[in-house]
PDB file of N, CA and C in Angstrom:
ATOM      1  N   GLN A   1      -5.705  -5.494 -23.916  1.00  0.00           N
ATOM      2  CA  GLN A   1      -6.904  -6.138 -24.365  1.00  0.00           C
ATOM      3  C   GLN A   1      -6.665  -6.677 -25.764  1.00  0.00           C
ATOM      4  N   LEU A   2      -7.189  -7.841 -26.036  1.00  0.00           N
ATOM      5  CA  LEU A   2      -7.126  -8.476 -27.349  1.00  0.00           C
ATOM      6  C   LEU A   2      -8.544  -8.560 -27.897  1.00  0.00           C
ATOM      7  N   PHE A   3      -8.770  -7.952 -29.055  1.00  0.00           N
ATOM      8  CA  PHE A   3     -10.082  -7.958 -29.694  1.00  0.00           C
ATOM      9  C   PHE A   3     -10.027  -8.768 -30.976  1.00  0.00           C
ATOM     10  N   LEU A   4     -10.949  -9.701 -31.135  1.00  0.00           N
ATOM     11  CA  LEU A   4     -11.087 -10.492 -32.348  1.00  0.00           C
ATOM     12  C   LEU A   4     -12.497 -10.271 -32.883  1.00  0.00           C
ATOM     13  N   HIS A   5     -12.605  -9.907 -34.168  1.00  0.00           N
ATOM     14  CA  HIS A   5     -13.929  -9.753 -34.763  1.00  0.00           C
ATOM     15  C   HIS A   5     -13.837 -10.027 -36.257  1.00  0.00           C
ATOM     16  N   GLY A   6     -15.011 -10.137 -36.887  1.00  0.00           N
ATOM     17  CA  GLY A   6     -15.064 -10.526 -38.287  1.00  0.00           C
ATOM     18  C   GLY A   6     -15.433  -9.433 -39.262  1.00  0.00           C
ATOM     19  N   GLY A   7     -15.135  -8.182 -38.926  1.00  0.00           N
ATOM     20  CA  GLY A   7     -15.382  -7.081 -39.857  1.00  0.00           C
ATOM     21  C   GLY A   7     -16.814  -6.591 -39.855  1.00  0.00           C
ATOM     22  N   ALA A   8     -17.164  -5.860 -40.908  1.00  0.00           N
ATOM     23  CA  ALA A   8     -18.470  -5.206 -40.977  1.00  0.00           C
ATOM     24  C   ALA A   8     -19.635  -6.197 -40.980  1.00  0.00           C
ATOM     25  N   SER A   9     -19.413  -7.406 -41.436  1.00  0.00           N
ATOM     26  CA  SER A   9     -20.507  -8.392 -41.446  1.00  0.00           C
ATOM     27  C   SER A   9     -20.564  -9.213 -40.160  1.00  0.00           C
ATOM     28  N   ASP A  10     -19.759  -8.861 -39.176  1.00  0.00           N
ATOM     29  CA  ASP A  10     -19.782  -9.550 -37.882  1.00  0.00           C
ATOM     30  C   ASP A  10     -20.862  -8.909 -37.020  1.00  0.00           C
ATOM     31  N   THR A  11     -22.084  -9.398 -37.201  1.00  0.00           N
ATOM     32  CA  THR A  11     -23.235  -8.844 -36.493  1.00  0.00           C
ATOM     33  C   THR A  11     -24.038  -9.966 -35.857  1.00  0.00           C
ATOM     34  N   TYR A  12     -24.874  -9.568 -34.895  1.00  0.00           N
ATOM     35  CA  TYR A  12     -25.793 -10.504 -34.261  1.00  0.00           C
ATOM     36  C   TYR A  12     -27.102  -9.773 -34.024  1.00  0.00           C
ATOM     37  N   ASN A  13     -28.183 -10.310 -34.584  1.00  0.00           N
ATOM     38  CA  ASN A  13     -29.492  -9.689 -34.466  1.00  0.00           C
ATOM     39  C   ASN A  13     -30.156 -10.143 -33.168  1.00  0.00           C
ATOM     40  N   MET A  14     -30.468  -9.176 -32.319  1.00  0.00           N
ATOM     41  CA  MET A  14     -31.127  -9.469 -31.037  1.00  0.00           C
ATOM     42  C   MET A  14     -32.595  -9.040 -31.047  1.00  0.00           C
ATOM     43  N   GLN A  15     -33.203  -8.983 -32.207  1.00  0.00           N
ATOM     44  CA  GLN A  15     -34.599  -8.605 -32.407  1.00  0.00           C
ATOM     45  C   GLN A  15     -34.846  -7.113 -32.191  1.00  0.00           C
ATOM     46  N   VAL A  16     -34.402  -6.561 -31.069  1.00  0.00           N
ATOM     47  CA  VAL A  16     -34.621  -5.134 -30.798  1.00  0.00           C
ATOM     48  C   VAL A  16     -33.469  -4.281 -31.306  1.00  0.00           C
ATOM     49  N   THR A  17     -32.344  -4.893 -31.545  1.00  0.00           N
ATOM     50  CA  THR A  17     -31.180  -4.186 -32.072  1.00  0.00           C
ATOM     51  C   THR A  17     -30.215  -5.198 -32.681  1.00  0.00           C
ATOM     52  N   THR A  18     -29.329  -4.708 -33.502  1.00  0.00           N
ATOM     53  CA  THR A  18     -28.288  -5.554 -34.078  1.00  0.00           C
ATOM     54  C   THR A  18     -26.950  -5.133 -33.496  1.00  0.00           C
ATOM     55  N   ILE A  19     -26.221  -6.109 -32.993  1.00  0.00           N
ATOM     56  CA  ILE A  19     -24.893  -5.857 -32.433  1.00  0.00           C
ATOM     57  C   ILE A  19     -23.880  -5.881 -33.573  1.00  0.00           C
ATOM     58  N   HIS A  20     -23.058  -4.858 -33.667  1.00  0.00           N
ATOM     59  CA  HIS A  20     -21.992  -4.753 -34.671  1.00  0.00           C
ATOM     60  C   HIS A  20     -20.651  -4.876 -33.941  1.00  0.00           C
ATOM     61  N   PHE A  21     -20.071  -6.067 -33.968  1.00  0.00           N
ATOM     62  CA  PHE A  21     -18.867  -6.327 -33.198  1.00  0.00           C
ATOM     63  C   PHE A  21     -17.670  -5.504 -33.664  1.00  0.00           C
ATOM     64  N   ASP A  22     -17.596  -5.171 -34.954  1.00  0.00           N
ATOM     65  CA  ASP A  22     -16.493  -4.346 -35.437  1.00  0.00           C
ATOM     66  C   ASP A  22     -16.567  -2.938 -34.847  1.00  0.00           C
ATOM     67  N   VAL A  23     -17.770  -2.402 -34.724  1.00  0.00           N
ATOM     68  CA  VAL A  23     -17.953  -1.064 -34.144  1.00  0.00           C
ATOM     69  C   VAL A  23     -17.603  -1.092 -32.658  1.00  0.00           C
ATOM     70  N   PHE A  24     -18.092  -2.110 -31.953  1.00  0.00           N
ATOM     71  CA  PHE A  24     -17.755  -2.234 -30.527  1.00  0.00           C
ATOM     72  C   PHE A  24     -16.245  -2.310 -30.330  1.00  0.00           C
ATOM     73  N   ALA A  25     -15.568  -3.133 -31.137  1.00  0.00           N
ATOM     74  CA  ALA A  25     -14.122  -3.303 -30.990  1.00  0.00           C
ATOM     75  C   ALA A  25     -13.391  -1.989 -31.261  1.00  0.00           C
ATOM     76  N   ALA A  26     -13.738  -1.291 -32.338  1.00  0.00           N
ATOM     77  CA  ALA A  26     -13.074  -0.023 -32.668  1.00  0.00           C
ATOM     78  C   ALA A  26     -13.291   1.012 -31.567  1.00  0.00           C
ATOM     79  N   ASN A  27     -14.512   1.104 -31.054  1.00  0.00           N
ATOM     80  CA  ASN A  27     -14.800   2.057 -29.983  1.00  0.00           C
ATOM     81  C   ASN A  27     -14.065   1.688 -28.696  1.00  0.00           C
ATOM     82  N   ASP A  28     -14.027   0.394 -28.377  1.00  0.00           N
ATOM     83  CA  ASP A  28     -13.336  -0.047 -27.163  1.00  0.00           C
ATOM     84  C   ASP A  28     -11.835   0.223 -27.248  1.00  0.00           C
ATOM     85  N   VAL A  29     -11.237  -0.033 -28.413  1.00  0.00           N
ATOM     86  CA  VAL A  29      -9.803   0.223 -28.582  1.00  0.00           C
ATOM     87  C   VAL A  29      -9.510   1.709 -28.393  1.00  0.00           C
ATOM     88  N   ALA A  30     -10.295   2.567 -29.027  1.00  0.00           N
ATOM     89  CA  ALA A  30     -10.087   4.015 -28.892  1.00  0.00           C
ATOM     90  C   ALA A  30     -10.247   4.447 -27.436  1.00  0.00           C
ATOM     91  N   TYR A  31     -11.241   3.921 -26.769  1.00  0.00           N
ATOM     92  CA  TYR A  31     -11.490   4.249 -25.365  1.00  0.00           C
ATOM     93  C   TYR A  31     -10.319   3.805 -24.487  1.00  0.00           C
ATOM     94  N   LEU A  32      -9.886   2.557 -24.654  1.00  0.00           N
ATOM     95  CA  LEU A  32      -8.785   2.035 -23.840  1.00  0.00           C
ATOM     96  C   LEU A  32      -7.477   2.761 -24.136  1.00  0.00           C
ATOM     97  N   ASN A  33      -7.193   3.029 -25.411  1.00  0.00           N
ATOM     98  CA  ASN A  33      -5.993   3.797 -25.756  1.00  0.00           C
ATOM     99  C   ASN A  33      -6.017   5.156 -25.080  1.00  0.00           C
ATOM    100  N   GLY A  34      -7.177   5.798 -25.059  1.00  0.00           N
ATOM    101  CA  GLY A  34      -7.320   7.099 -24.426  1.00  0.00           C
ATOM    102  C   GLY A  34      -7.108   7.066 -22.930  1.00  0.00           C
ATOM    103  N   LEU A  35      -7.372   5.909 -22.323  1.00  0.00           N
ATOM    104  CA  LEU A  35      -7.160   5.746 -20.881  1.00  0.00           C
ATOM    105  C   LEU A  35      -5.744   5.259 -20.552  1.00  0.00           C
ATOM    106  N   GLY A  36      -4.894   5.139 -21.583  1.00  0.00           N
ATOM    107  CA  GLY A  36      -3.513   4.744 -21.351  1.00  0.00           C
ATOM    108  C   GLY A  36      -3.249   3.253 -21.426  1.00  0.00           C
ATOM    109  N   HIS A  37      -4.084   2.531 -22.173  1.00  0.00           N
ATOM    110  CA  HIS A  37      -3.913   1.082 -22.311  1.00  0.00           C
ATOM    111  C   HIS A  37      -3.614   0.721 -23.760  1.00  0.00           C
ATOM    112  N   ASP A  38      -2.681  -0.207 -23.959  1.00  0.00           N
ATOM    113  CA  ASP A  38      -2.395  -0.755 -25.274  1.00  0.00           C
ATOM    114  C   ASP A  38      -3.463  -1.798 -25.616  1.00  0.00           C
ATOM    115  N   ALA A  39      -3.630  -2.081 -26.890  1.00  0.00           N
ATOM    116  CA  ALA A  39      -4.597  -3.089 -27.321  1.00  0.00           C
ATOM    117  C   ALA A  39      -4.111  -3.737 -28.613  1.00  0.00           C
ATOM    118  N   VAL A  40      -4.645  -4.912 -28.879  1.00  0.00           N
ATOM    119  CA  VAL A  40      -4.417  -5.605 -30.145  1.00  0.00           C
ATOM    120  C   VAL A  40      -5.793  -5.862 -30.742  1.00  0.00           C
ATOM    121  N   ILE A  41      -5.966  -5.498 -32.011  1.00  0.00           N
ATOM    122  CA  ILE A  41      -7.243  -5.690 -32.684  1.00  0.00           C
ATOM    123  C   ILE A  41      -7.024  -6.560 -33.915  1.00  0.00           C
ATOM    124  N   CYS A  42      -7.851  -7.592 -34.026  1.00  0.00           N
ATOM    125  CA  CYS A  42      -7.717  -8.567 -35.106  1.00  0.00           C
ATOM    126  C   CYS A  42      -9.045  -8.686 -35.842  1.00  0.00           C
ATOM    127  N   ASP A  43      -9.081  -8.193 -37.072  1.00  0.00           N
ATOM    128  CA  ASP A  43     -10.274  -8.249 -37.922  1.00  0.00           C
ATOM    129  C   ASP A  43     -10.044  -9.303 -38.990  1.00  0.00           C
ATOM    130  N   HIS A  44     -10.634 -10.500 -38.800  1.00  0.00           N
ATOM    131  CA  HIS A  44     -10.423 -11.578 -39.769  1.00  0.00           C
ATOM    132  C   HIS A  44     -11.343 -11.456 -40.979  1.00  0.00           C
ATOM    133  N   GLY A  45     -12.331 -10.579 -40.933  1.00  0.00           N
ATOM    134  CA  GLY A  45     -13.160 -10.275 -42.083  1.00  0.00           C
ATOM    135  C   GLY A  45     -14.116 -11.365 -42.545  1.00  0.00           C
ATOM    136  N   LEU A  46     -14.373 -12.366 -41.709  1.00  0.00           N
ATOM    137  CA  LEU A  46     -15.220 -13.485 -42.125  1.00  0.00           C
ATOM    138  C   LEU A  46     -16.587 -13.486 -41.448  1.00  0.00           C
ATOM    139  N   GLY A  47     -17.005 -12.342 -40.922  1.00  0.00           N
ATOM    140  CA  GLY A  47     -18.310 -12.275 -40.281  1.00  0.00           C
ATOM    141  C   GLY A  47     -18.315 -12.912 -38.910  1.00  0.00           C
ATOM    142  N   HIS A  48     -19.510 -13.274 -38.473  1.00  0.00           N
ATOM    143  CA  HIS A  48     -19.698 -13.785 -37.110  1.00  0.00           C
ATOM    144  C   HIS A  48     -19.402 -15.286 -37.065  1.00  0.00           C
ATOM    145  N   THR A  49     -18.097 -15.598 -37.109  1.00  0.00           N
ATOM    146  CA  THR A  49     -17.643 -16.982 -37.069  1.00  0.00           C
ATOM    147  C   THR A  49     -16.523 -17.115 -36.042  1.00  0.00           C
ATOM    148  N   ALA A  50     -16.383 -18.320 -35.529  1.00  0.00           N
ATOM    149  CA  ALA A  50     -15.297 -18.601 -34.595  1.00  0.00           C
ATOM    150  C   ALA A  50     -14.890 -20.054 -34.805  1.00  0.00           C
ATOM    151  N   PRO A  51     -13.660 -20.396 -34.593  1.00  0.00           N
ATOM    152  CA  PRO A  51     -12.563 -19.513 -34.198  1.00  0.00           C
ATOM    153  C   PRO A  51     -12.054 -18.709 -35.383  1.00  0.00           C
ATOM    154  N   ALA A  52     -11.364 -17.642 -35.068  1.00  0.00           N
ATOM    155  CA  ALA A  52     -10.758 -16.808 -36.103  1.00  0.00           C
ATOM    156  C   ALA A  52      -9.588 -17.562 -36.725  1.00  0.00           C
ATOM    157  N   PRO A  53      -9.436 -17.504 -38.051  1.00  0.00           N
ATOM    158  CA  PRO A  53      -8.320 -18.203 -38.675  1.00  0.00           C
ATOM    159  C   PRO A  53      -6.972 -17.689 -38.163  1.00  0.00           C
ATOM    160  N   ASP A  54      -6.085 -18.607 -37.863  1.00  0.00           N
ATOM    161  CA  ASP A  54      -4.724 -18.304 -37.405  1.00  0.00           C
ATOM    162  C   ASP A  54      -4.668 -17.608 -36.047  1.00  0.00           C
ATOM    163  N   MET A  55      -5.777 -17.575 -35.318  1.00  0.00           N
ATOM    164  CA  MET A  55      -5.797 -16.994 -33.969  1.00  0.00           C
ATOM    165  C   MET A  55      -6.601 -17.911 -33.060  1.00  0.00           C
ATOM    166  N   GLY A  56      -6.005 -19.022 -32.720  1.00  0.00           N
ATOM    167  CA  GLY A  56      -6.673 -20.000 -31.877  1.00  0.00           C
ATOM    168  C   GLY A  56      -6.313 -19.824 -30.417  1.00  0.00           C
ATOM    169  N   PRO A  57      -6.638 -20.817 -29.617  1.00  0.00           N
ATOM    170  CA  PRO A  57      -6.363 -20.756 -28.181  1.00  0.00           C
ATOM    171  C   PRO A  57      -4.892 -20.520 -27.854  1.00  0.00           C
ATOM    172  N   GLN A  58      -3.983 -21.059 -28.678  1.00  0.00           N
ATOM    173  CA  GLN A  58      -2.553 -20.892 -28.420  1.00  0.00           C
ATOM    174  C   GLN A  58      -2.163 -19.417 -28.431  1.00  0.00           C
ATOM    175  N   GLN A  59      -2.655 -18.667 -29.396  1.00  0.00           N
ATOM    176  CA  GLN A  59      -2.310 -17.248 -29.497  1.00  0.00           C
ATOM    177  C   GLN A  59      -2.979 -16.437 -28.377  1.00  0.00           C
ATOM    178  N   VAL A  60      -4.205 -16.799 -28.026  1.00  0.00           N
ATOM    179  CA  VAL A  60      -4.890 -16.098 -26.931  1.00  0.00           C
ATOM    180  C   VAL A  60      -4.143 -16.333 -25.619  1.00  0.00           C
ATOM    181  N   LEU A  61      -3.751 -17.571 -25.359  1.00  0.00           N
ATOM    182  CA  LEU A  61      -2.997 -17.866 -24.136  1.00  0.00           C
ATOM    183  C   LEU A  61      -1.631 -17.177 -24.149  1.00  0.00           C
ATOM    184  N   GLU A  62      -0.997 -17.104 -25.315  1.00  0.00           N
ATOM    185  CA  GLU A  62       0.277 -16.402 -25.438  1.00  0.00           C
ATOM    186  C   GLU A  62       0.103 -14.922 -25.080  1.00  0.00           C
ATOM    187  N   PHE A  63      -0.973 -14.314 -25.577  1.00  0.00           N
ATOM    188  CA  PHE A  63      -1.256 -12.915 -25.250  1.00  0.00           C
ATOM    189  C   PHE A  63      -1.411 -12.744 -23.737  1.00  0.00           C
ATOM    190  N   LEU A  64      -2.175 -13.618 -23.106  1.00  0.00           N
ATOM    191  CA  LEU A  64      -2.392 -13.520 -21.655  1.00  0.00           C
ATOM    192  C   LEU A  64      -1.093 -13.731 -20.886  1.00  0.00           C
ATOM    193  N   LYS A  65      -0.279 -14.673 -21.309  1.00  0.00           N
ATOM    194  CA  LYS A  65       1.012 -14.918 -20.657  1.00  0.00           C
ATOM    195  C   LYS A  65       1.932 -13.708 -20.782  1.00  0.00           C
ATOM    196  N   ASP A  66       1.895 -13.052 -21.937  1.00  0.00           N
ATOM    197  CA  ASP A  66       2.751 -11.889 -22.184  1.00  0.00           C
ATOM    198  C   ASP A  66       2.251 -10.627 -21.482  1.00  0.00           C
ATOM    199  N   HIS A  67       1.039 -10.674 -20.943  1.00  0.00           N
ATOM    200  CA  HIS A  67       0.430  -9.509 -20.289  1.00  0.00           C
ATOM    201  C   HIS A  67      -0.160  -9.897 -18.929  1.00  0.00           C
ATOM    202  N   PRO A  68       0.681 -10.326 -17.984  1.00  0.00           N
ATOM    203  CA  PRO A  68       0.148 -10.699 -16.667  1.00  0.00           C
ATOM    204  C   PRO A  68      -0.451  -9.487 -15.953  1.00  0.00           C
ATOM    205  N   LYS A  69      -1.276  -9.762 -14.960  1.00  0.00           N
ATOM    206  CA  LYS A  69      -1.904  -8.694 -14.177  1.00  0.00           C
ATOM    207  C   LYS A  69      -0.828  -7.715 -13.697  1.00  0.00           C
ATOM    208  N   GLY A  70      -1.101  -6.436 -13.890  1.00  0.00           N
ATOM    209  CA  GLY A  70      -0.163  -5.401 -13.486  1.00  0.00           C
ATOM    210  C   GLY A  70       0.703  -4.877 -14.609  1.00  0.00           C
ATOM    211  N   THR A  71       0.629  -5.492 -15.801  1.00  0.00           N
ATOM    212  CA  THR A  71       1.405  -5.009 -16.943  1.00  0.00           C
ATOM    213  C   THR A  71       0.939  -3.608 -17.310  1.00  0.00           C
ATOM    214  N   THR A  72       1.852  -2.669 -17.393  1.00  0.00           N
ATOM    215  CA  THR A  72       1.473  -1.296 -17.727  1.00  0.00           C
ATOM    216  C   THR A  72       1.851  -0.915 -19.154  1.00  0.00           C
ATOM    217  N   SER A  73       2.847  -1.553 -19.716  1.00  0.00           N
ATOM    218  CA  SER A  73       3.223  -1.329 -21.116  1.00  0.00           C
ATOM    219  C   SER A  73       3.378  -2.681 -21.793  1.00  0.00           C
ATOM    220  N   SER A  74       2.724  -2.850 -22.911  1.00  0.00           N
ATOM    221  CA  SER A  74       2.779  -4.118 -23.620  1.00  0.00           C
ATOM    222  C   SER A  74       4.175  -4.375 -24.154  1.00  0.00           C
ATOM    223  N   PRO A  75       4.672  -5.604 -24.015  1.00  0.00           N
ATOM    224  CA  PRO A  75       5.961  -5.936 -24.622  1.00  0.00           C
ATOM    225  C   PRO A  75       5.895  -5.876 -26.148  1.00  0.00           C
ATOM    226  N   TYR A  76       4.687  -5.882 -26.697  1.00  0.00           N
ATOM    227  CA  TYR A  76       4.522  -5.831 -28.150  1.00  0.00           C
ATOM    228  C   TYR A  76       4.826  -4.442 -28.708  1.00  0.00           C
ATOM    229  N   LEU A  77       4.843  -3.417 -27.860  1.00  0.00           N
ATOM    230  CA  LEU A  77       5.154  -2.069 -28.333  1.00  0.00           C
ATOM    231  C   LEU A  77       6.563  -2.041 -28.929  1.00  0.00           C
ATOM    232  N   ALA A  78       7.524  -2.609 -28.233  1.00  0.00           N
ATOM    233  CA  ALA A  78       8.910  -2.605 -28.686  1.00  0.00           C
ATOM    234  C   ALA A  78       9.207  -3.772 -29.629  1.00  0.00           C
ATOM    235  N   ALA A  79       8.666  -4.944 -29.323  1.00  0.00           N
ATOM    236  CA  ALA A  79       9.033  -6.156 -30.054  1.00  0.00           C
ATOM    237  C   ALA A  79       8.115  -6.465 -31.237  1.00  0.00           C
ATOM    238  N   GLY A  80       6.961  -5.837 -31.297  1.00  0.00           N
ATOM    239  CA  GLY A  80       5.978  -6.175 -32.323  1.00  0.00           C
ATOM    240  C   GLY A  80       5.170  -7.385 -31.904  1.00  0.00           C
ATOM    241  N   LEU A  81       4.154  -7.688 -32.686  1.00  0.00           N
ATOM    242  CA  LEU A  81       3.311  -8.845 -32.378  1.00  0.00           C
ATOM    243  C   LEU A  81       4.112 -10.129 -32.575  1.00  0.00           C
ATOM    244  N   PRO A  82       3.788 -11.159 -31.802  1.00  0.00           N
ATOM    245  CA  PRO A  82       4.466 -12.444 -31.990  1.00  0.00           C
ATOM    246  C   PRO A  82       4.302 -12.957 -33.417  1.00  0.00           C
ATOM    247  N   GLY A  83       5.266 -13.686 -33.887  1.00  0.00           N
ATOM    248  CA  GLY A  83       5.267 -14.177 -35.256  1.00  0.00           C
ATOM    249  C   GLY A  83       4.135 -15.125 -35.582  1.00  0.00           C
ATOM    250  N   ASP A  84       3.549 -15.776 -34.558  1.00  0.00           N
ATOM    251  CA  ASP A  84       2.462 -16.706 -34.839  1.00  0.00           C
ATOM    252  C   ASP A  84       1.082 -16.044 -34.781  1.00  0.00           C
ATOM    253  N   PHE A  85       1.032 -14.732 -34.577  1.00  0.00           N
ATOM    254  CA  PHE A  85      -0.240 -14.014 -34.636  1.00  0.00           C
ATOM    255  C   PHE A  85      -0.624 -13.839 -36.102  1.00  0.00           C
ATOM    256  N   ALA A  86      -1.926 -13.793 -36.368  1.00  0.00           N
ATOM    257  CA  ALA A  86      -2.419 -13.638 -37.737  1.00  0.00           C
ATOM    258  C   ALA A  86      -1.962 -12.311 -38.334  1.00  0.00           C
ATOM    259  N   SER A  87      -1.786 -12.304 -39.646  1.00  0.00           N
ATOM    260  CA  SER A  87      -1.318 -11.100 -40.333  1.00  0.00           C
ATOM    261  C   SER A  87      -2.334  -9.965 -40.262  1.00  0.00           C
ATOM    262  N   TYR A  88      -3.587 -10.258 -39.982  1.00  0.00           N
ATOM    263  CA  TYR A  88      -4.614  -9.232 -39.903  1.00  0.00           C
ATOM    264  C   TYR A  88      -4.710  -8.565 -38.526  1.00  0.00           C
ATOM    265  N   CYS A  89      -3.854  -8.945 -37.606  1.00  0.00           N
ATOM    266  CA  CYS A  89      -3.834  -8.337 -36.274  1.00  0.00           C
ATOM    267  C   CYS A  89      -2.944  -7.094 -36.276  1.00  0.00           C
ATOM    268  N   GLN A  90      -3.378  -6.079 -35.515  1.00  0.00           N
ATOM    269  CA  GLN A  90      -2.618  -4.838 -35.423  1.00  0.00           C
ATOM    270  C   GLN A  90      -2.490  -4.431 -33.969  1.00  0.00           C
ATOM    271  N   PHE A  91      -1.330  -3.883 -33.632  1.00  0.00           N
ATOM    272  CA  PHE A  91      -1.095  -3.330 -32.298  1.00  0.00           C
ATOM    273  C   PHE A  91      -1.580  -1.885 -32.296  1.00  0.00           C
ATOM    274  N   SER A  92      -2.301  -1.507 -31.265  1.00  0.00           N
ATOM    275  CA  SER A  92      -2.779  -0.137 -31.125  1.00  0.00           C
ATOM    276  C   SER A  92      -2.243   0.419 -29.799  1.00  0.00           C
ATOM    277  N   ALA A  93      -1.294   1.323 -29.895  1.00  0.00           N
ATOM    278  CA  ALA A  93      -0.608   1.846 -28.711  1.00  0.00           C
ATOM    279  C   ALA A  93      -1.471   2.860 -27.970  1.00  0.00           C
ATOM    280  N   LYS A  94      -1.276   2.872 -26.665  1.00  0.00           N
ATOM    281  CA  LYS A  94      -1.983   3.841 -25.817  1.00  0.00           C
ATOM    282  C   LYS A  94      -1.610   5.257 -26.208  1.00  0.00           C
ATOM    283  N   ASN A  95      -2.510   6.175 -25.935  1.00  0.00           N
ATOM    284  CA  ASN A  95      -2.230   7.588 -26.183  1.00  0.00           C
ATOM    285  C   ASN A  95      -1.244   8.100 -25.143  1.00  0.00           C
ATOM    286  N   PRO A  96      -0.309   8.935 -25.586  1.00  0.00           N
ATOM    287  CA  PRO A  96       0.704   9.438 -24.621  1.00  0.00           C
ATOM    288  C   PRO A  96       0.098  10.326 -23.562  1.00  0.00           C
TER     289      PRO A  96
END
Protein backbone atom coordinates (compact mmCIF):
# COMPACT_ATOMS: atom_id res chain seq x y z
CA GLN A 1 0.00 0.00 0.00
CA LEU A 2 1.17 3.52 -0.79
CA PHE A 3 -0.08 6.29 1.51
CA LEU A 4 0.24 9.98 0.67
CA HIS A 5 -0.86 12.64 3.15
CA GLY A 6 -0.06 16.18 4.21
CA GLY A 7 0.77 15.80 7.90
CA ALA A 8 -1.13 17.02 10.94
CA SER A 9 -2.87 19.81 9.02
CA ASP A 10 -4.20 17.36 6.40
CA THR A 11 -7.80 17.40 7.58
CA TYR A 12 -11.27 17.60 6.09
CA ASN A 13 -14.25 18.89 8.06
CA MET A 14 -17.40 16.86 7.44
CA GLN A 15 -19.57 18.93 9.82
CA VAL A 16 -20.15 15.99 12.21
CA THR A 17 -16.48 15.05 12.42
CA THR A 18 -13.09 16.04 11.10
CA ILE A 19 -11.08 13.52 9.11
CA HIS A 20 -7.36 13.47 10.01
CA PHE A 21 -5.60 11.82 7.08
CA ASP A 22 -2.26 11.55 8.91
CA VAL A 23 -3.91 9.55 11.71
CA PHE A 24 -5.71 7.29 9.23
CA ALA A 25 -2.47 6.65 7.33
CA ALA A 26 -0.44 5.87 10.48
CA ASN A 27 -3.14 3.51 11.78
CA ASP A 28 -3.53 1.80 8.40
CA VAL A 29 0.24 1.27 8.06
CA ALA A 30 0.46 -0.26 11.55
CA TYR A 31 -2.55 -2.47 10.83
CA LEU A 32 -1.21 -3.67 7.46
CA ASN A 33 2.30 -4.25 8.84
CA GLY A 34 0.74 -6.34 11.60
CA LEU A 35 -1.07 -8.44 9.00
CA GLY A 36 2.19 -9.11 7.16
CA HIS A 37 2.06 -6.40 4.49
CA ASP A 38 4.74 -3.86 3.57
CA ALA A 39 3.74 -0.23 3.05
CA VAL A 40 5.16 3.09 1.91
CA ILE A 41 4.07 6.25 3.72
CA CYS A 42 4.70 9.72 2.33
CA ASP A 43 4.01 12.77 4.51
CA HIS A 44 4.58 15.89 2.40
CA GLY A 45 3.56 18.15 5.30
CA LEU A 46 1.57 20.64 3.19
CA GLY A 47 -1.92 19.93 4.51
CA HIS A 48 -4.87 18.84 2.42
CA THR A 49 -3.40 19.54 -1.02
CA ALA A 50 -2.82 17.48 -4.13
CA PRO A 51 -0.78 16.48 -5.94
CA ALA A 52 1.97 15.84 -3.44
CA PRO A 53 5.26 17.47 -4.43
CA ASP A 54 7.65 15.05 -6.15
CA MET A 55 5.06 12.23 -6.01
CA GLY A 56 2.99 12.49 -9.14
CA PRO A 57 1.27 9.93 -11.33
CA GLN A 58 4.62 8.58 -12.57
CA GLN A 59 5.68 7.49 -9.08
CA VAL A 60 2.25 6.05 -8.26
CA LEU A 61 2.26 4.01 -11.48
CA GLU A 62 5.84 2.90 -10.75
CA PHE A 63 4.72 1.67 -7.32
CA LEU A 64 1.83 -0.29 -8.87
CA LYS A 65 4.10 -1.78 -11.56
CA ASP A 66 6.62 -2.85 -8.90
CA HIS A 67 3.85 -4.50 -6.84
CA PRO A 68 1.63 -6.55 -9.18
CA LYS A 69 -1.25 -8.58 -7.76
CA GLY A 70 0.14 -11.46 -5.74
CA THR A 71 3.30 -9.68 -4.56
CA THR A 72 4.06 -10.96 -1.06
CA SER A 73 7.31 -9.09 -0.33
CA SER A 74 8.01 -5.62 -1.63
CA PRO A 75 11.09 -5.29 -3.83
CA TYR A 76 11.71 -2.05 -1.91
CA LEU A 77 12.65 -4.04 1.21
CA ALA A 78 15.98 -5.08 -0.31
CA ALA A 79 16.51 -2.33 -2.89
CA GLY A 80 15.09 0.69 -1.05
CA LEU A 81 12.64 3.17 -2.49
CA PRO A 82 13.13 4.17 -6.12
CA GLY A 83 15.37 7.19 -6.61
CA ASP A 84 12.56 9.30 -8.06
CA PHE A 85 10.37 8.94 -4.95
CA ALA A 86 10.16 12.02 -2.73
CA SER A 87 12.65 12.28 0.13
CA TYR A 88 9.78 12.40 2.63
CA CYS A 89 8.62 8.87 1.74
CA GLN A 90 9.50 5.98 4.05
CA PHE A 91 9.29 2.22 3.65
CA SER A 92 7.50 0.44 6.50
CA ALA A 93 8.26 -3.29 6.58
CA LYS A 94 5.74 -5.90 7.62
CA ASN A 95 6.02 -7.38 11.08
CA PRO A 96 7.86 -10.71 11.14
